[in-house]
Amino acid sequence: MGALFVVAATLLAGACIALAGGQVARVSRARPSEIDALRSALRRLPFDARAAALAERAQDSGWLRELGEGLRDATSPSTRVAAANDVLGDVARTLDAGAAWPSAAVRLAAFGGLLLVALGLLADAGAVVVTLVAGLAGVAAVLAAVAGQRARRASAALREAIDDLVALCAPPEDRADPVERAPRRGRRSGRL
């Protein structure tokens, strides 16, 4: 009977770690290996040649080449912005698609482990089995949390690299200026 709880805890831990690791893999696949080299190479080029160089130098990585071609082939600022937004939207969807998976894996490991511990105690599976089940669930929760942090850091770094590429290749008049907000009136402004 105790072996059944250990097997269930092992399967639960493996599934939770795989679920959280899936997001890390997804973010890693979305980041082209040449993006950092391209950023430094584009900085050395004259501004007018950057979009064409991005399209030419991007090695068969879908969205990076598509971004360069869209910026290079755009005839007006509005089409340039639309081309960049299309590509950036696709990348954002890829990054956000599984962003909640690691936190869901942490919850599944924690609550699934608690359930298995409670069932083990009710079934009188023994202290060693209950401790092993709790340990497996705890390790799975910690590893899923670490995988979630790693995926968030990698996603933020990729978003920063993409923003840098767009800033390097888009003319300053295409970039949106921060919206200046009118000063907010407080609740008591205008009242005596």
N, C-alpha and C. Protein backbone atom coordinates (compact mmCIF):
# COMPACT_ATOMS: atom_id res chain seq x y z
N MET A 1 0.82 -1.20 0.00
CA MET A 1 0.00 0.00 0.00
C MET A 1 0.86 1.26 0.00
N GLY A 2 1.95 1.22 0.75
CA GLY A 2 2.84 2.38 0.83
C GLY A 2 3.49 2.68 -0.51
N ALA A 3 3.80 1.62 -1.27
CA ALA A 3 4.43 1.82 -2.57
C ALA A 3 3.51 2.58 -3.52
N LEU A 4 2.22 2.37 -3.40
CA LEU A 4 1.25 3.06 -4.23
C LEU A 4 1.32 4.57 -4.00
N PHE A 5 1.45 4.99 -2.75
CA PHE A 5 1.55 6.42 -2.44
C PHE A 5 2.86 7.00 -2.96
N VAL A 6 3.95 6.25 -2.86
CA VAL A 6 5.24 6.73 -3.35
C VAL A 6 5.21 6.86 -4.87
N VAL A 7 4.62 5.90 -5.55
CA VAL A 7 4.50 5.97 -7.01
C VAL A 7 3.64 7.15 -7.42
N ALA A 8 2.52 7.35 -6.72
CA ALA A 8 1.64 8.48 -7.03
C ALA A 8 2.36 9.81 -6.80
N ALA A 9 3.13 9.91 -5.72
CA ALA A 9 3.87 11.14 -5.44
C ALA A 9 4.95 11.38 -6.48
N THR A 10 5.60 10.31 -6.92
CA THR A 10 6.64 10.43 -7.94
C THR A 10 6.04 10.89 -9.26
N LEU A 11 4.91 10.33 -9.64
CA LEU A 11 4.23 10.75 -10.87
C LEU A 11 3.78 12.21 -10.77
N LEU A 12 3.24 12.58 -9.63
CA LEU A 12 2.81 13.96 -9.42
C LEU A 12 3.99 14.91 -9.52
N ALA A 13 5.11 14.56 -8.88
CA ALA A 13 6.29 15.42 -8.91
C ALA A 13 6.82 15.55 -10.33
N GLY A 14 6.90 14.44 -11.04
CA GLY A 14 7.39 14.48 -12.42
C GLY A 14 6.51 15.32 -13.32
N ALA A 15 5.20 15.18 -13.17
CA ALA A 15 4.27 15.96 -13.99
C ALA A 15 4.38 17.45 -13.68
N CYS A 16 4.51 17.81 -12.42
CA CYS A 16 4.62 19.22 -12.06
C CYS A 16 5.92 19.84 -12.55
N ILE A 17 7.01 19.09 -12.45
CA ILE A 17 8.29 19.60 -12.93
C ILE A 17 8.27 19.74 -14.45
N ALA A 18 7.66 18.78 -15.14
CA ALA A 18 7.55 18.86 -16.60
C ALA A 18 6.67 20.03 -17.02
N LEU A 19 5.61 20.27 -16.29
CA LEU A 19 4.71 21.38 -16.60
C LEU A 19 5.44 22.72 -16.46
N ALA A 20 6.18 22.88 -15.38
CA ALA A 20 6.91 24.13 -15.18
C ALA A 20 8.07 24.25 -16.17
N GLY A 21 8.73 23.15 -16.44
CA GLY A 21 9.85 23.17 -17.38
C GLY A 21 9.41 23.46 -18.80
N GLY A 22 8.16 23.16 -19.12
CA GLY A 22 7.63 23.46 -20.45
C GLY A 22 7.69 24.94 -20.78
N GLN A 23 7.42 25.78 -19.80
CA GLN A 23 7.48 27.23 -20.05
C GLN A 23 8.92 27.68 -20.24
N VAL A 24 9.83 27.12 -19.49
CA VAL A 24 11.25 27.46 -19.67
C VAL A 24 11.68 27.10 -21.09
N ALA A 25 11.29 25.93 -21.54
CA ALA A 25 11.65 25.50 -22.90
C ALA A 25 11.00 26.38 -23.95
N ARG A 26 9.76 26.78 -23.74
CA ARG A 26 9.06 27.63 -24.70
C ARG A 26 9.76 28.99 -24.83
N VAL A 27 10.14 29.58 -23.71
CA VAL A 27 10.83 30.87 -23.75
C VAL A 27 12.21 30.72 -24.38
N SER A 28 12.89 29.63 -24.08
CA SER A 28 14.22 29.41 -24.67
C SER A 28 14.13 29.24 -26.18
N ARG A 29 13.10 28.56 -26.66
CA ARG A 29 12.94 28.39 -28.10
C ARG A 29 12.58 29.70 -28.79
N ALA A 30 11.93 30.62 -28.09
CA ALA A 30 11.53 31.89 -28.70
C ALA A 30 12.70 32.85 -28.85
N ARG A 31 13.78 32.62 -28.10
CA ARG A 31 14.93 33.54 -28.17
C ARG A 31 15.94 33.02 -29.19
N PRO A 32 16.10 33.73 -30.30
CA PRO A 32 17.10 33.32 -31.28
C PRO A 32 18.50 33.44 -30.71
N SER A 33 19.36 32.53 -31.08
CA SER A 33 20.72 32.53 -30.54
C SER A 33 21.53 33.74 -31.01
N GLU A 34 21.20 34.29 -32.18
CA GLU A 34 22.01 35.38 -32.72
C GLU A 34 21.52 36.77 -32.32
N ILE A 35 20.55 36.87 -31.46
CA ILE A 35 19.95 38.17 -31.18
C ILE A 35 20.95 39.14 -30.53
N ASP A 36 21.79 38.67 -29.64
CA ASP A 36 22.74 39.57 -28.99
C ASP A 36 23.82 40.04 -29.96
N ALA A 37 24.29 39.13 -30.82
CA ALA A 37 25.28 39.51 -31.82
C ALA A 37 24.68 40.51 -32.81
N LEU A 38 23.42 40.31 -33.17
CA LEU A 38 22.76 41.25 -34.08
C LEU A 38 22.62 42.63 -33.46
N ARG A 39 22.28 42.67 -32.20
CA ARG A 39 22.13 43.96 -31.53
C ARG A 39 23.44 44.74 -31.55
N SER A 40 24.54 44.08 -31.23
CA SER A 40 25.82 44.80 -31.22
C SER A 40 26.26 45.16 -32.63
N ALA A 41 25.98 44.30 -33.63
CA ALA A 41 26.36 44.61 -35.02
C ALA A 41 25.53 45.77 -35.56
N LEU A 42 24.26 45.83 -35.21
CA LEU A 42 23.40 46.91 -35.70
C LEU A 42 23.79 48.26 -35.12
N ARG A 43 24.31 48.27 -33.91
CA ARG A 43 24.73 49.53 -33.30
C ARG A 43 25.86 50.18 -34.09
N ARG A 44 26.68 49.38 -34.76
CA ARG A 44 27.84 49.90 -35.49
C ARG A 44 27.47 50.38 -36.89
N LEU A 45 26.27 50.07 -37.35
CA LEU A 45 25.86 50.45 -38.70
C LEU A 45 25.18 51.81 -38.70
N PRO A 46 25.19 52.49 -39.84
CA PRO A 46 24.41 53.73 -39.94
C PRO A 46 22.93 53.41 -39.80
N PHE A 47 22.20 54.38 -39.31
CA PHE A 47 20.80 54.15 -38.99
C PHE A 47 20.00 53.63 -40.18
N ASP A 48 20.22 54.19 -41.37
CA ASP A 48 19.43 53.82 -42.53
C ASP A 48 19.65 52.38 -42.99
N ALA A 49 20.78 51.79 -42.64
CA ALA A 49 21.10 50.43 -43.09
C ALA A 49 20.70 49.36 -42.08
N ARG A 50 20.22 49.73 -40.93
CA ARG A 50 19.98 48.76 -39.85
C ARG A 50 18.85 47.78 -40.16
N ALA A 51 17.71 48.26 -40.65
CA ALA A 51 16.58 47.36 -40.90
C ALA A 51 16.93 46.35 -41.98
N ALA A 52 17.61 46.80 -43.04
CA ALA A 52 18.02 45.87 -44.10
C ALA A 52 19.03 44.86 -43.57
N ALA A 53 19.95 45.31 -42.73
CA ALA A 53 20.94 44.40 -42.15
C ALA A 53 20.28 43.39 -41.23
N LEU A 54 19.27 43.82 -40.49
CA LEU A 54 18.55 42.89 -39.62
C LEU A 54 17.87 41.80 -40.45
N ALA A 55 17.24 42.19 -41.55
CA ALA A 55 16.56 41.21 -42.40
C ALA A 55 17.56 40.25 -43.04
N GLU A 56 18.74 40.75 -43.43
CA GLU A 56 19.74 39.90 -44.09
C GLU A 56 20.47 38.99 -43.11
N ARG A 57 20.79 39.50 -41.94
CA ARG A 57 21.62 38.75 -41.00
C ARG A 57 20.86 37.79 -40.10
N ALA A 58 19.56 37.97 -40.00
CA ALA A 58 18.77 37.06 -39.16
C ALA A 58 18.78 35.68 -39.79
N GLN A 59 19.34 34.74 -39.08
CA GLN A 59 19.46 33.38 -39.62
C GLN A 59 18.16 32.63 -39.42
N ASP A 60 17.46 32.42 -40.43
CA ASP A 60 16.29 31.55 -40.48
C ASP A 60 15.50 31.42 -39.17
N SER A 61 15.51 32.47 -38.34
CA SER A 61 14.68 32.44 -37.14
C SER A 61 13.46 33.29 -37.46
N GLY A 62 12.33 32.67 -37.53
CA GLY A 62 11.11 33.24 -38.04
C GLY A 62 10.82 34.69 -37.70
N TRP A 63 10.59 34.97 -36.42
CA TRP A 63 10.10 36.30 -36.08
C TRP A 63 11.17 37.36 -36.22
N LEU A 64 12.42 37.02 -36.05
CA LEU A 64 13.50 38.01 -36.17
C LEU A 64 13.66 38.44 -37.62
N ARG A 65 13.64 37.50 -38.52
CA ARG A 65 13.72 37.82 -39.95
C ARG A 65 12.47 38.59 -40.37
N GLU A 66 11.32 38.16 -39.89
CA GLU A 66 10.06 38.84 -40.23
C GLU A 66 10.06 40.28 -39.74
N LEU A 67 10.62 40.53 -38.57
CA LEU A 67 10.73 41.89 -38.06
C LEU A 67 11.62 42.74 -38.96
N GLY A 68 12.77 42.20 -39.32
CA GLY A 68 13.68 42.94 -40.19
C GLY A 68 13.07 43.22 -41.55
N GLU A 69 12.41 42.23 -42.15
CA GLU A 69 11.79 42.43 -43.45
C GLU A 69 10.65 43.43 -43.37
N GLY A 70 9.87 43.35 -42.30
CA GLY A 70 8.76 44.30 -42.15
C GLY A 70 9.24 45.73 -41.99
N LEU A 71 10.31 45.92 -41.21
CA LEU A 71 10.84 47.27 -41.03
C LEU A 71 11.53 47.76 -42.30
N ARG A 72 12.20 46.86 -43.00
CA ARG A 72 12.91 47.24 -44.23
C ARG A 72 11.94 47.60 -45.34
N ASP A 73 10.87 46.82 -45.51
CA ASP A 73 9.95 47.00 -46.63
C ASP A 73 8.87 48.04 -46.38
N ALA A 74 8.77 48.55 -45.17
CA ALA A 74 7.72 49.52 -44.85
C ALA A 74 7.97 50.83 -45.61
N THR A 75 6.88 51.39 -46.13
CA THR A 75 7.01 52.61 -46.91
C THR A 75 6.63 53.86 -46.13
N SER A 76 5.96 53.68 -45.02
CA SER A 76 5.55 54.83 -44.23
C SER A 76 5.70 54.49 -42.75
N PRO A 77 5.70 55.50 -41.92
CA PRO A 77 5.80 55.23 -40.48
C PRO A 77 4.68 54.34 -39.96
N SER A 78 3.47 54.51 -40.49
CA SER A 78 2.35 53.70 -39.98
C SER A 78 2.50 52.23 -40.37
N THR A 79 2.98 51.96 -41.58
CA THR A 79 3.19 50.56 -41.96
C THR A 79 4.37 49.95 -41.21
N ARG A 80 5.36 50.76 -40.90
CA ARG A 80 6.50 50.28 -40.11
C ARG A 80 6.04 49.90 -38.70
N VAL A 81 5.23 50.74 -38.11
CA VAL A 81 4.70 50.45 -36.78
C VAL A 81 3.80 49.22 -36.81
N ALA A 82 2.98 49.10 -37.85
CA ALA A 82 2.09 47.94 -37.96
C ALA A 82 2.89 46.65 -38.13
N ALA A 83 3.94 46.69 -38.94
CA ALA A 83 4.78 45.50 -39.14
C ALA A 83 5.46 45.09 -37.84
N ALA A 84 5.99 46.05 -37.12
CA ALA A 84 6.65 45.75 -35.84
C ALA A 84 5.63 45.22 -34.83
N ASN A 85 4.46 45.82 -34.79
CA ASN A 85 3.44 45.37 -33.83
C ASN A 85 2.95 43.96 -34.12
N ASP A 86 2.83 43.60 -35.40
CA ASP A 86 2.41 42.23 -35.74
C ASP A 86 3.41 41.22 -35.21
N VAL A 87 4.68 41.47 -35.46
CA VAL A 87 5.72 40.53 -35.02
C VAL A 87 5.80 40.51 -33.50
N LEU A 88 5.78 41.67 -32.88
CA LEU A 88 5.87 41.73 -31.43
C LEU A 88 4.67 41.10 -30.76
N GLY A 89 3.50 41.21 -31.37
CA GLY A 89 2.31 40.55 -30.83
C GLY A 89 2.43 39.04 -30.86
N ASP A 90 3.00 38.52 -31.96
CA ASP A 90 3.20 37.06 -32.06
C ASP A 90 4.17 36.57 -30.99
N VAL A 91 5.25 37.30 -30.79
CA VAL A 91 6.23 36.90 -29.77
C VAL A 91 5.62 37.00 -28.38
N ALA A 92 4.86 38.05 -28.13
CA ALA A 92 4.22 38.21 -26.82
C ALA A 92 3.24 37.08 -26.54
N ARG A 93 2.49 36.67 -27.56
CA ARG A 93 1.56 35.54 -27.38
C ARG A 93 2.33 34.27 -27.05
N THR A 94 3.46 34.06 -27.70
CA THR A 94 4.28 32.88 -27.43
C THR A 94 4.77 32.89 -26.00
N LEU A 95 5.24 34.05 -25.54
CA LEU A 95 5.78 34.15 -24.19
C LEU A 95 4.69 34.05 -23.12
N ASP A 96 3.53 34.59 -23.42
CA ASP A 96 2.45 34.62 -22.43
C ASP A 96 1.61 33.35 -22.41
N ALA A 97 1.76 32.51 -23.46
CA ALA A 97 0.89 31.34 -23.59
C ALA A 97 0.99 30.40 -22.39
N GLY A 98 2.15 30.18 -21.87
CA GLY A 98 2.30 29.27 -20.74
C GLY A 98 2.85 29.93 -19.50
N ALA A 99 2.69 31.24 -19.39
CA ALA A 99 3.29 31.96 -18.28
C ALA A 99 2.73 31.53 -16.92
N ALA A 100 1.51 31.04 -16.88
CA ALA A 100 0.91 30.62 -15.62
C ALA A 100 1.21 29.16 -15.28
N TRP A 101 1.84 28.44 -16.18
CA TRP A 101 2.10 27.02 -15.94
C TRP A 101 2.98 26.77 -14.73
N PRO A 102 4.09 27.48 -14.54
CA PRO A 102 4.92 27.19 -13.37
C PRO A 102 4.19 27.41 -12.04
N SER A 103 3.41 28.48 -11.94
CA SER A 103 2.70 28.70 -10.68
C SER A 103 1.60 27.66 -10.48
N ALA A 104 0.98 27.22 -11.57
CA ALA A 104 0.01 26.13 -11.46
C ALA A 104 0.69 24.84 -11.02
N ALA A 105 1.91 24.61 -11.51
CA ALA A 105 2.65 23.42 -11.12
C ALA A 105 3.02 23.46 -9.64
N VAL A 106 3.36 24.63 -9.13
CA VAL A 106 3.67 24.77 -7.70
C VAL A 106 2.43 24.42 -6.87
N ARG A 107 1.28 24.96 -7.27
CA ARG A 107 0.05 24.68 -6.53
C ARG A 107 -0.33 23.20 -6.61
N LEU A 108 -0.20 22.62 -7.80
CA LEU A 108 -0.52 21.20 -7.95
C LEU A 108 0.39 20.34 -7.08
N ALA A 109 1.67 20.65 -7.06
CA ALA A 109 2.61 19.87 -6.25
C ALA A 109 2.28 20.01 -4.77
N ALA A 110 2.01 21.24 -4.33
CA ALA A 110 1.74 21.47 -2.91
C ALA A 110 0.43 20.81 -2.47
N PHE A 111 -0.65 21.10 -3.19
CA PHE A 111 -1.94 20.57 -2.76
C PHE A 111 -2.08 19.08 -3.06
N GLY A 112 -1.50 18.63 -4.18
CA GLY A 112 -1.50 17.20 -4.46
C GLY A 112 -0.69 16.43 -3.44
N GLY A 113 0.44 17.01 -3.02
CA GLY A 113 1.24 16.38 -1.98
C GLY A 113 0.51 16.32 -0.65
N LEU A 114 -0.18 17.41 -0.31
CA LEU A 114 -0.97 17.42 0.93
C LEU A 114 -2.07 16.36 0.89
N LEU A 115 -2.71 16.24 -0.26
CA LEU A 115 -3.75 15.23 -0.39
C LEU A 115 -3.18 13.82 -0.23
N LEU A 116 -2.04 13.56 -0.86
CA LEU A 116 -1.43 12.24 -0.73
C LEU A 116 -0.96 11.97 0.70
N VAL A 117 -0.45 12.99 1.37
CA VAL A 117 -0.04 12.83 2.77
C VAL A 117 -1.26 12.52 3.63
N ALA A 118 -2.34 13.26 3.43
CA ALA A 118 -3.55 13.02 4.22
C ALA A 118 -4.10 11.62 3.95
N LEU A 119 -4.12 11.21 2.70
CA LEU A 119 -4.60 9.86 2.38
C LEU A 119 -3.67 8.80 2.96
N GLY A 120 -2.36 9.07 2.95
CA GLY A 120 -1.41 8.13 3.54
C GLY A 120 -1.60 8.00 5.03
N LEU A 121 -1.89 9.10 5.69
CA LEU A 121 -2.14 9.05 7.13
C LEU A 121 -3.45 8.31 7.43
N LEU A 122 -4.47 8.55 6.64
CA LEU A 122 -5.74 7.86 6.84
C LEU A 122 -5.63 6.36 6.55
N ALA A 123 -4.79 6.00 5.57
CA ALA A 123 -4.63 4.59 5.22
C ALA A 123 -3.57 3.91 6.08
N ASP A 124 -3.00 4.66 7.01
CA ASP A 124 -1.97 4.13 7.90
C ASP A 124 -0.82 3.51 7.09
N ALA A 125 -0.28 4.33 6.14
CA ALA A 125 0.78 3.86 5.25
C ALA A 125 2.14 3.83 5.92
N GLY A 126 2.28 4.47 7.04
CA GLY A 126 3.55 4.47 7.75
C GLY A 126 4.24 5.83 7.66
N ALA A 127 5.03 6.11 8.67
CA ALA A 127 5.69 7.41 8.76
C ALA A 127 6.72 7.61 7.65
N VAL A 128 7.42 6.56 7.29
CA VAL A 128 8.44 6.69 6.24
C VAL A 128 7.80 7.02 4.91
N VAL A 129 6.72 6.36 4.58
CA VAL A 129 6.03 6.61 3.31
C VAL A 129 5.45 8.01 3.28
N VAL A 130 4.82 8.43 4.36
CA VAL A 130 4.22 9.77 4.41
C VAL A 130 5.31 10.83 4.31
N THR A 131 6.43 10.63 4.98
CA THR A 131 7.53 11.58 4.90
C THR A 131 8.11 11.63 3.49
N LEU A 132 8.26 10.48 2.85
CA LEU A 132 8.77 10.43 1.48
C LEU A 132 7.83 11.13 0.51
N VAL A 133 6.54 10.92 0.67
CA VAL A 133 5.55 11.58 -0.18
C VAL A 133 5.61 13.10 0.01
N ALA A 134 5.69 13.53 1.26
CA ALA A 134 5.77 14.97 1.54
C ALA A 134 7.06 15.55 0.96
N GLY A 135 8.16 14.83 1.08
CA GLY A 135 9.42 15.30 0.53
C GLY A 135 9.40 15.41 -0.98
N LEU A 136 8.84 14.41 -1.65
CA LEU A 136 8.74 14.46 -3.11
C LEU A 136 7.89 15.64 -3.57
N ALA A 137 6.77 15.86 -2.89
CA ALA A 137 5.90 16.98 -3.26
C ALA A 137 6.58 18.31 -2.99
N GLY A 138 7.31 18.41 -1.89
CA GLY A 138 8.02 19.64 -1.58
C GLY A 138 9.11 19.94 -2.59
N VAL A 139 9.87 18.92 -2.96
CA VAL A 139 10.93 19.12 -3.97
C VAL A 139 10.32 19.53 -5.30
N ALA A 140 9.22 18.92 -5.68
CA ALA A 140 8.56 19.28 -6.94
C ALA A 140 8.07 20.72 -6.91
N ALA A 141 7.51 21.15 -5.78
CA ALA A 141 7.04 22.53 -5.67
C ALA A 141 8.20 23.52 -5.77
N VAL A 142 9.30 23.21 -5.11
CA VAL A 142 10.46 24.11 -5.16
C VAL A 142 11.04 24.17 -6.57
N LEU A 143 11.19 23.02 -7.22
CA LEU A 143 11.73 23.00 -8.58
C LEU A 143 10.81 23.72 -9.56
N ALA A 144 9.52 23.59 -9.39
CA ALA A 144 8.57 24.30 -10.25
C ALA A 144 8.67 25.81 -10.02
N ALA A 145 8.84 26.22 -8.77
CA ALA A 145 9.00 27.65 -8.48
C ALA A 145 10.28 28.20 -9.10
N VAL A 146 11.36 27.44 -9.01
CA VAL A 146 12.62 27.87 -9.60
C VAL A 146 12.49 27.95 -11.12
N ALA A 147 11.83 26.97 -11.72
CA ALA A 147 11.61 27.01 -13.17
C ALA A 147 10.77 28.23 -13.57
N GLY A 148 9.79 28.57 -12.76
CA GLY A 148 8.98 29.76 -13.04
C GLY A 148 9.79 31.03 -12.98
N GLN A 149 10.68 31.15 -11.99
CA GLN A 149 11.54 32.33 -11.91
C GLN A 149 12.48 32.40 -13.11
N ARG A 150 13.02 31.27 -13.49
CA ARG A 150 13.92 31.23 -14.64
C ARG A 150 13.19 31.65 -15.91
N ALA A 151 11.98 31.16 -16.10
CA ALA A 151 11.20 31.51 -17.29
C ALA A 151 10.85 33.00 -17.29
N ARG A 152 10.49 33.55 -16.13
CA ARG A 152 10.17 34.98 -16.06
C ARG A 152 11.39 35.84 -16.38
N ARG A 153 12.56 35.46 -15.85
CA ARG A 153 13.78 36.22 -16.14
C ARG A 153 14.14 36.14 -17.62
N ALA A 154 14.05 34.95 -18.19
CA ALA A 154 14.38 34.79 -19.61
C ALA A 154 13.39 35.55 -20.49
N SER A 155 12.12 35.54 -20.12
CA SER A 155 11.11 36.28 -20.87
C SER A 155 11.35 37.78 -20.80
N ALA A 156 11.69 38.28 -19.62
CA ALA A 156 11.98 39.71 -19.48
C ALA A 156 13.21 40.10 -20.27
N ALA A 157 14.24 39.25 -20.28
CA ALA A 157 15.45 39.55 -21.04
C ALA A 157 15.16 39.56 -22.54
N LEU A 158 14.30 38.63 -22.99
CA LEU A 158 13.95 38.61 -24.41
C LEU A 158 13.14 39.84 -24.79
N ARG A 159 12.21 40.22 -23.96
CA ARG A 159 11.42 41.43 -24.24
C ARG A 159 12.32 42.66 -24.30
N GLU A 160 13.30 42.73 -23.42
CA GLU A 160 14.25 43.85 -23.43
C GLU A 160 15.08 43.85 -24.71
N ALA A 161 15.52 42.67 -25.15
CA ALA A 161 16.30 42.58 -26.38
C ALA A 161 15.46 42.99 -27.59
N ILE A 162 14.19 42.60 -27.60
CA ILE A 162 13.30 42.96 -28.71
C ILE A 162 13.08 44.47 -28.72
N ASP A 163 12.83 45.05 -27.56
CA ASP A 163 12.65 46.50 -27.49
C ASP A 163 13.89 47.23 -27.99
N ASP A 164 15.06 46.71 -27.65
CA ASP A 164 16.31 47.31 -28.10
C ASP A 164 16.44 47.22 -29.62
N LEU A 165 16.09 46.05 -30.19
CA LEU A 165 16.15 45.90 -31.65
C LEU A 165 15.20 46.88 -32.35
N VAL A 166 14.00 47.01 -31.84
CA VAL A 166 13.05 47.93 -32.46
C VAL A 166 13.56 49.37 -32.33
N ALA A 167 14.12 49.72 -31.19
CA ALA A 167 14.66 51.07 -31.02
C ALA A 167 15.84 51.32 -31.95
N LEU A 168 16.61 50.29 -32.22
CA LEU A 168 17.75 50.44 -33.13
C LEU A 168 17.32 50.61 -34.58
N CYS A 169 16.23 49.96 -34.97
CA CYS A 169 15.85 49.91 -36.38
C CYS A 169 14.72 50.86 -36.76
N ALA A 170 13.91 51.28 -35.81
CA ALA A 170 12.79 52.16 -36.13
C ALA A 170 13.22 53.60 -36.00
N PRO A 171 12.91 54.43 -36.97
CA PRO A 171 13.27 55.85 -36.87
C PRO A 171 12.61 56.47 -35.64
N PRO A 172 13.24 57.48 -35.07
CA PRO A 172 12.69 58.09 -33.86
C PRO A 172 11.27 58.61 -34.03
N GLU A 173 10.91 59.05 -35.23
CA GLU A 173 9.54 59.58 -35.40
C GLU A 173 8.50 58.47 -35.37
N ASP A 174 8.92 57.20 -35.56
CA ASP A 174 7.98 56.08 -35.50
C ASP A 174 7.71 55.63 -34.08
N ARG A 175 8.64 55.89 -33.21
CA ARG A 175 8.50 55.41 -31.83
C ARG A 175 7.51 56.28 -31.09
N ALA A 176 6.67 55.65 -30.34
CA ALA A 176 5.66 56.39 -29.59
C ALA A 176 6.30 57.09 -28.41
N ASP A 177 5.99 58.35 -28.26
CA ASP A 177 6.47 59.08 -27.10
C ASP A 177 5.57 58.77 -25.92
N PRO A 178 6.13 58.79 -24.73
CA PRO A 178 5.27 58.55 -23.57
C PRO A 178 4.16 59.59 -23.51
N VAL A 179 2.99 59.15 -23.20
CA VAL A 179 1.84 60.04 -23.13
C VAL A 179 1.96 60.90 -21.88
N GLU A 180 1.87 62.19 -22.10
CA GLU A 180 1.90 63.08 -20.95
C GLU A 180 0.48 63.17 -20.41
N ARG A 181 0.37 62.90 -19.15
CA ARG A 181 -0.95 62.92 -18.55
C ARG A 181 -1.19 64.26 -17.89
N ALA A 182 -2.42 64.66 -17.95
CA ALA A 182 -2.80 65.88 -17.26
C ALA A 182 -2.73 65.62 -15.76
N PRO A 183 -2.37 66.62 -14.99
CA PRO A 183 -2.31 66.39 -13.55
C PRO A 183 -3.68 65.98 -13.02
N ARG A 184 -3.65 64.97 -12.19
CA ARG A 184 -4.91 64.46 -11.65
C ARG A 184 -5.39 65.37 -10.53
N ARG A 185 -6.66 65.57 -10.55
CA ARG A 185 -7.25 66.35 -9.47
C ARG A 185 -7.51 65.42 -8.33
N GLY A 186 -7.07 65.82 -7.18
CA GLY A 186 -7.32 65.01 -5.98
C GLY A 186 -8.77 65.07 -5.59
N ARG A 187 -9.10 64.27 -4.65
CA ARG A 187 -10.49 64.25 -4.20
C ARG A 187 -10.90 65.59 -3.61
N ARG A 188 -9.94 66.28 -3.03
CA ARG A 188 -10.28 67.52 -2.34
C ARG A 188 -9.98 68.75 -3.16
N SER A 189 -9.42 68.59 -4.36
CA SER A 189 -9.12 69.78 -5.14
C SER A 189 -10.42 70.44 -5.58
N GLY A 190 -10.46 71.73 -5.49
CA GLY A 190 -11.65 72.45 -5.85
C GLY A 190 -12.62 72.58 -4.69
N ARG A 191 -12.34 71.88 -3.61
CA ARG A 191 -13.22 71.98 -2.44
C ARG A 191 -12.54 72.83 -1.38
N LEU A 192 -13.31 73.45 -0.60
CA LEU A 192 -12.77 74.23 0.52
C LEU A 192 -12.84 73.49 1.79
